């Protein structure tokens, strides 16, 4: 899916900077952008691929919620790993 790439490029374009992996705010914002992009792209592709496809807002909302929960869980797990590695001498953040 192109949702993650579109979300990352949109984040960098809008905020004019890279995502800070150690920032919960950056991770939450990027997660939100990803979930919106992923839900919209998924339903847009299905509506173009299937002539009889009926846009169901409930499906899009549930997909968004599922993506958001999974993405935030993964992002915060990644942040915990980065913090652990940062404490061991690896540097992932700026100066």
Protein backbone atom coordinates (compact mmCIF):
# COMPACT_ATOMS: atom_id res chain seq x y z
CA UNK A 1 0.00 0.00 0.00
CA UNK A 2 1.18 3.52 -0.70
CA UNK A 3 -0.52 4.93 2.43
CA UNK A 4 2.61 4.93 4.61
CA UNK A 5 4.72 6.63 1.94
CA UNK A 6 2.09 9.27 1.24
CA UNK A 7 1.71 9.94 4.97
CA UNK A 8 5.48 10.28 5.46
CA UNK A 9 5.93 12.58 2.47
CA UNK A 10 2.90 14.62 3.55
CA UNK A 11 4.35 14.94 7.06
CA UNK A 12 7.71 16.11 5.74
CA UNK A 13 6.08 18.55 3.32
CA UNK A 14 3.69 20.04 5.90
CA UNK A 15 6.09 20.28 8.85
CA UNK A 16 9.22 20.94 6.73
CA UNK A 17 11.29 18.45 8.75
CA UNK A 18 11.96 14.77 9.32
CA UNK A 19 10.01 12.68 11.82
CA UNK A 20 11.73 12.43 15.21
CA UNK A 21 11.53 8.79 16.26
CA UNK A 22 11.89 9.77 19.92
CA UNK A 23 8.91 12.15 19.83
CA UNK A 24 5.55 10.67 20.81
CA UNK A 25 3.82 13.69 19.25
CA UNK A 26 5.52 13.07 15.89
CA UNK A 27 4.69 9.36 15.99
CA UNK A 28 1.05 10.00 16.91
CA UNK A 29 0.67 12.64 14.17
CA UNK A 30 2.26 10.40 11.55
CA UNK A 31 0.08 7.48 12.70
CA UNK A 32 -3.05 9.58 12.30
CA UNK A 33 -1.99 10.70 8.82
CA UNK A 34 -1.20 7.11 7.84
CA UNK A 35 -4.57 5.80 9.02
CA UNK A 36 -6.50 8.43 7.08
CA UNK A 37 -4.43 7.81 3.92
CA UNK A 38 -4.68 4.05 4.22
CA UNK A 39 -8.46 4.00 4.71
CA UNK A 40 -9.10 6.43 1.87
CA UNK A 41 -6.74 4.74 -0.59
CA UNK A 42 -8.11 1.29 0.25
CA UNK A 43 -11.71 2.30 -0.35
CA UNK A 44 -10.85 4.36 -3.43
CA UNK A 45 -9.07 1.39 -5.05
CA UNK A 46 -11.98 -0.93 -4.29
CA UNK A 47 -14.47 1.57 -5.71
CA UNK A 48 -12.43 1.82 -8.92
CA UNK A 49 -11.80 -1.93 -9.22
CA UNK A 50 -15.32 -3.17 -8.58
CA UNK A 51 -18.20 -1.61 -10.49
CA UNK A 52 -20.79 -2.67 -7.93
CA UNK A 53 -18.76 -1.47 -4.93
CA UNK A 54 -20.88 0.51 -2.46
CA UNK A 55 -19.01 3.01 -0.32
CA UNK A 56 -19.75 2.05 3.26
CA UNK A 57 -18.73 4.68 5.79
CA UNK A 58 -18.96 2.22 8.68
CA UNK A 59 -16.36 -0.03 7.05
CA UNK A 60 -14.05 2.94 6.50
CA UNK A 61 -14.45 4.07 10.11
CA UNK A 62 -13.77 0.58 11.49
CA UNK A 63 -10.76 0.21 9.22
CA UNK A 64 -9.48 3.59 10.42
CA UNK A 65 -9.94 2.58 14.08
CA UNK A 66 -8.19 -0.76 13.57
CA UNK A 67 -5.32 0.89 11.70
CA UNK A 68 -5.01 3.55 14.39
CA UNK A 69 -4.85 1.08 17.28
CA UNK A 70 -2.35 -1.15 15.49
CA UNK A 71 -0.22 1.73 14.27
CA UNK A 72 -0.05 3.45 17.64
CA UNK A 73 0.81 0.16 19.32
CA UNK A 74 3.62 -0.44 16.81
CA UNK A 75 4.86 3.16 16.97
CA UNK A 76 5.01 3.22 20.77
CA UNK A 77 6.69 -0.19 20.79
CA UNK A 78 9.25 1.17 18.32
CA UNK A 79 9.73 4.28 20.48
CA UNK A 80 10.36 2.08 23.53
CA UNK A 81 12.95 0.15 21.57
CA UNK A 82 14.61 3.37 20.35
CA UNK A 83 14.68 4.72 23.93
CA UNK A 84 16.22 1.47 25.15
CA UNK A 85 18.86 1.54 22.42
CA UNK A 86 19.45 5.27 23.01
CA UNK A 87 20.17 4.48 26.68
CA UNK A 88 22.74 1.89 25.58
CA UNK A 89 24.72 4.44 23.56
CA UNK A 90 23.05 4.30 20.14
CA UNK A 91 21.92 7.72 18.93
CA UNK A 92 18.74 8.00 16.86
CA UNK A 93 17.81 11.60 17.66
CA UNK A 94 19.46 14.87 16.79
CA UNK A 95 22.07 16.71 18.89
